[in-house]
Amino acid sequence: MMAGGAYIFIALCFGLAGGFIGRMKGSSVFMWFLVSALIPFIGLFCAVLYRNELDEPRRLCPQCGKDCKLYEAKCLRCGYELEYPAPDEILAPESVSHA
């Protein structure tokens, strides 16, 4: 009985850490909580290595002007289908522009 309680405590701690890291990287807290809690060491390691949304290049939607990630195919605000921009239209990642 004691070993099961220890595993649940460890899984909960890893889950909270994974959720916190996922939130810092702009991803789903719940998803990274589950991954890190169900597979404690590997899940947390994956959350740490997951890409950072602040490091993604951006572009502006030509219709509404929303700041969109370069990999997005449609604007999330107005639904406009985004074409791949010319090199001079690509904005620096948020991590660079906030520094």
C-alpha atoms as a PDB file:
ATOM      1  CA  MET A   1       0.000   0.000   0.000  1.00  0.00           C
ATOM      2  CA  MET A   2       2.803   2.402   0.857  1.00  0.00           C
ATOM      3  CA  ALA A   3       4.547   1.879  -2.514  1.00  0.00           C
ATOM      4  CA  GLY A   4       1.352   2.799  -4.404  1.00  0.00           C
ATOM      5  CA  GLY A   5       1.030   6.030  -2.439  1.00  0.00           C
ATOM      6  CA  ALA A   6       4.642   6.927  -3.156  1.00  0.00           C
ATOM      7  CA  TYR A   7       4.122   6.348  -6.893  1.00  0.00           C
ATOM      8  CA  ILE A   8       0.998   8.516  -6.913  1.00  0.00           C
ATOM      9  CA  PHE A   9       2.887  11.297  -5.114  1.00  0.00           C
ATOM     10  CA  ILE A  10       5.795  11.088  -7.586  1.00  0.00           C
ATOM     11  CA  ALA A  11       3.413  11.019 -10.583  1.00  0.00           C
ATOM     12  CA  LEU A  12       1.529  14.045  -9.218  1.00  0.00           C
ATOM     13  CA  CYS A  13       4.773  16.009  -8.718  1.00  0.00           C
ATOM     14  CA  PHE A  14       6.007  15.161 -12.215  1.00  0.00           C
ATOM     15  CA  GLY A  15       2.578  16.010 -13.637  1.00  0.00           C
ATOM     16  CA  LEU A  16       2.556  19.440 -11.993  1.00  0.00           C
ATOM     17  CA  ALA A  17       6.098  20.141 -13.192  1.00  0.00           C
ATOM     18  CA  GLY A  18       5.233  19.051 -16.747  1.00  0.00           C
ATOM     19  CA  GLY A  19       2.068  21.168 -16.769  1.00  0.00           C
ATOM     20  CA  PHE A  20       3.993  24.199 -15.538  1.00  0.00           C
ATOM     21  CA  ILE A  21       6.681  23.758 -18.203  1.00  0.00           C
ATOM     22  CA  GLY A  22       4.006  23.247 -20.879  1.00  0.00           C
ATOM     23  CA  ARG A  23       2.284  26.468 -19.836  1.00  0.00           C
ATOM     24  CA  MET A  24       5.567  28.395 -19.951  1.00  0.00           C
ATOM     25  CA  LYS A  25       6.105  27.177 -23.513  1.00  0.00           C
ATOM     26  CA  GLY A  26       2.620  28.185 -24.655  1.00  0.00           C
ATOM     27  CA  SER A  27       1.149  24.702 -24.839  1.00  0.00           C
ATOM     28  CA  SER A  28      -1.657  22.847 -23.085  1.00  0.00           C
ATOM     29  CA  VAL A  29      -1.226  22.539 -19.305  1.00  0.00           C
ATOM     30  CA  PHE A  30      -3.616  19.580 -19.105  1.00  0.00           C
ATOM     31  CA  MET A  31      -1.919  17.629 -21.916  1.00  0.00           C
ATOM     32  CA  TRP A  32       1.572  18.009 -20.412  1.00  0.00           C
ATOM     33  CA  PHE A  33       0.233  17.242 -16.936  1.00  0.00           C
ATOM     34  CA  LEU A  34      -1.150  13.936 -18.201  1.00  0.00           C
ATOM     35  CA  VAL A  35       1.937  13.007 -20.211  1.00  0.00           C
ATOM     36  CA  SER A  36       4.292  13.844 -17.343  1.00  0.00           C
ATOM     37  CA  ALA A  37       2.148  12.103 -14.726  1.00  0.00           C
ATOM     38  CA  LEU A  38       1.555   8.903 -16.708  1.00  0.00           C
ATOM     39  CA  ILE A  39       5.188   8.555 -17.853  1.00  0.00           C
ATOM     40  CA  PRO A  40       7.026  10.486 -15.117  1.00  0.00           C
ATOM     41  CA  PHE A  41      10.652  10.840 -16.222  1.00  0.00           C
ATOM     42  CA  ILE A  42      10.178  10.573 -19.984  1.00  0.00           C
ATOM     43  CA  GLY A  43       7.102  12.833 -20.010  1.00  0.00           C
ATOM     44  CA  LEU A  44       8.855  15.625 -18.136  1.00  0.00           C
ATOM     45  CA  PHE A  45      11.917  15.275 -20.385  1.00  0.00           C
ATOM     46  CA  CYS A  46       9.659  15.611 -23.463  1.00  0.00           C
ATOM     47  CA  ALA A  47       7.977  18.704 -22.001  1.00  0.00           C
ATOM     48  CA  VAL A  48      11.375  20.311 -21.515  1.00  0.00           C
ATOM     49  CA  LEU A  49      12.435  19.524 -25.098  1.00  0.00           C
ATOM     50  CA  TYR A  50       9.118  20.596 -26.659  1.00  0.00           C
ATOM     51  CA  ARG A  51       9.373  23.640 -28.895  1.00  0.00           C
ATOM     52  CA  ASN A  52       8.891  27.071 -27.481  1.00  0.00           C
ATOM     53  CA  GLU A  53       6.093  29.101 -29.086  1.00  0.00           C
ATOM     54  CA  LEU A  54       8.035  32.303 -28.448  1.00  0.00           C
ATOM     55  CA  ASP A  55      10.810  31.067 -30.784  1.00  0.00           C
ATOM     56  CA  GLU A  56       8.501  30.680 -33.803  1.00  0.00           C
ATOM     57  CA  PRO A  57       8.737  33.234 -36.642  1.00  0.00           C
ATOM     58  CA  ARG A  58       5.603  35.323 -37.186  1.00  0.00           C
ATOM     59  CA  ARG A  59       3.723  37.197 -39.902  1.00  0.00           C
ATOM     60  CA  LEU A  60       0.782  39.580 -40.044  1.00  0.00           C
ATOM     61  CA  CYS A  61      -2.574  38.580 -41.510  1.00  0.00           C
ATOM     62  CA  PRO A  62      -3.129  40.724 -44.625  1.00  0.00           C
ATOM     63  CA  GLN A  63      -6.870  40.973 -43.914  1.00  0.00           C
ATOM     64  CA  CYS A  64      -7.151  41.763 -40.194  1.00  0.00           C
ATOM     65  CA  GLY A  65      -3.544  42.440 -39.126  1.00  0.00           C
ATOM     66  CA  LYS A  66      -3.408  39.719 -36.450  1.00  0.00           C
ATOM     67  CA  ASP A  67       0.046  38.474 -35.487  1.00  0.00           C
ATOM     68  CA  CYS A  68       0.102  34.820 -36.713  1.00  0.00           C
ATOM     69  CA  LYS A  69       2.742  32.116 -36.425  1.00  0.00           C
ATOM     70  CA  LEU A  70       4.478  31.277 -39.692  1.00  0.00           C
ATOM     71  CA  TYR A  71       3.253  27.652 -39.636  1.00  0.00           C
ATOM     72  CA  GLU A  72      -0.457  28.589 -39.363  1.00  0.00           C
ATOM     73  CA  ALA A  73      -2.447  28.016 -42.570  1.00  0.00           C
ATOM     74  CA  LYS A  74      -5.434  30.189 -41.547  1.00  0.00           C
ATOM     75  CA  CYS A  75      -5.775  33.306 -39.455  1.00  0.00           C
ATOM     76  CA  LEU A  76      -7.384  32.338 -36.153  1.00  0.00           C
ATOM     77  CA  ARG A  77      -9.191  35.687 -35.901  1.00  0.00           C
ATOM     78  CA  CYS A  78     -10.790  36.158 -39.329  1.00  0.00           C
ATOM     79  CA  GLY A  79     -10.318  32.776 -41.072  1.00  0.00           C
ATOM     80  CA  TYR A  80      -8.317  34.195 -43.982  1.00  0.00           C
ATOM     81  CA  GLU A  81      -6.197  31.532 -45.742  1.00  0.00           C
ATOM     82  CA  LEU A  82      -2.586  32.564 -45.349  1.00  0.00           C
ATOM     83  CA  GLU A  83      -0.072  32.106 -48.139  1.00  0.00           C
ATOM     84  CA  TYR A  84       3.606  31.639 -47.377  1.00  0.00           C
ATOM     85  CA  PRO A  85       4.969  35.191 -47.020  1.00  0.00           C
ATOM     86  CA  ALA A  86       7.846  36.778 -48.872  1.00  0.00           C
ATOM     87  CA  PRO A  87      11.095  36.853 -46.858  1.00  0.00           C
ATOM     88  CA  ASP A  88      10.734  40.568 -46.125  1.00  0.00           C
ATOM     89  CA  GLU A  89       7.258  39.993 -44.581  1.00  0.00           C
ATOM     90  CA  ILE A  90       8.496  37.511 -41.937  1.00  0.00           C
ATOM     91  CA  LEU A  91       8.673  39.025 -38.458  1.00  0.00           C
ATOM     92  CA  ALA A  92      11.217  38.077 -35.799  1.00  0.00           C
ATOM     93  CA  PRO A  93      10.124  35.594 -33.105  1.00  0.00           C
ATOM     94  CA  GLU A  94       8.588  37.033 -29.932  1.00  0.00           C
ATOM     95  CA  SER A  95      11.598  35.903 -27.891  1.00  0.00           C
ATOM     96  CA  VAL A  96      13.842  38.147 -30.032  1.00  0.00           C
ATOM     97  CA  SER A  97      11.473  41.119 -30.161  1.00  0.00           C
ATOM     98  CA  HIS A  98      10.927  41.138 -26.350  1.00  0.00           C
ATOM     99  CA  ALA A  99      14.644  41.033 -25.559  1.00  0.00           C
END
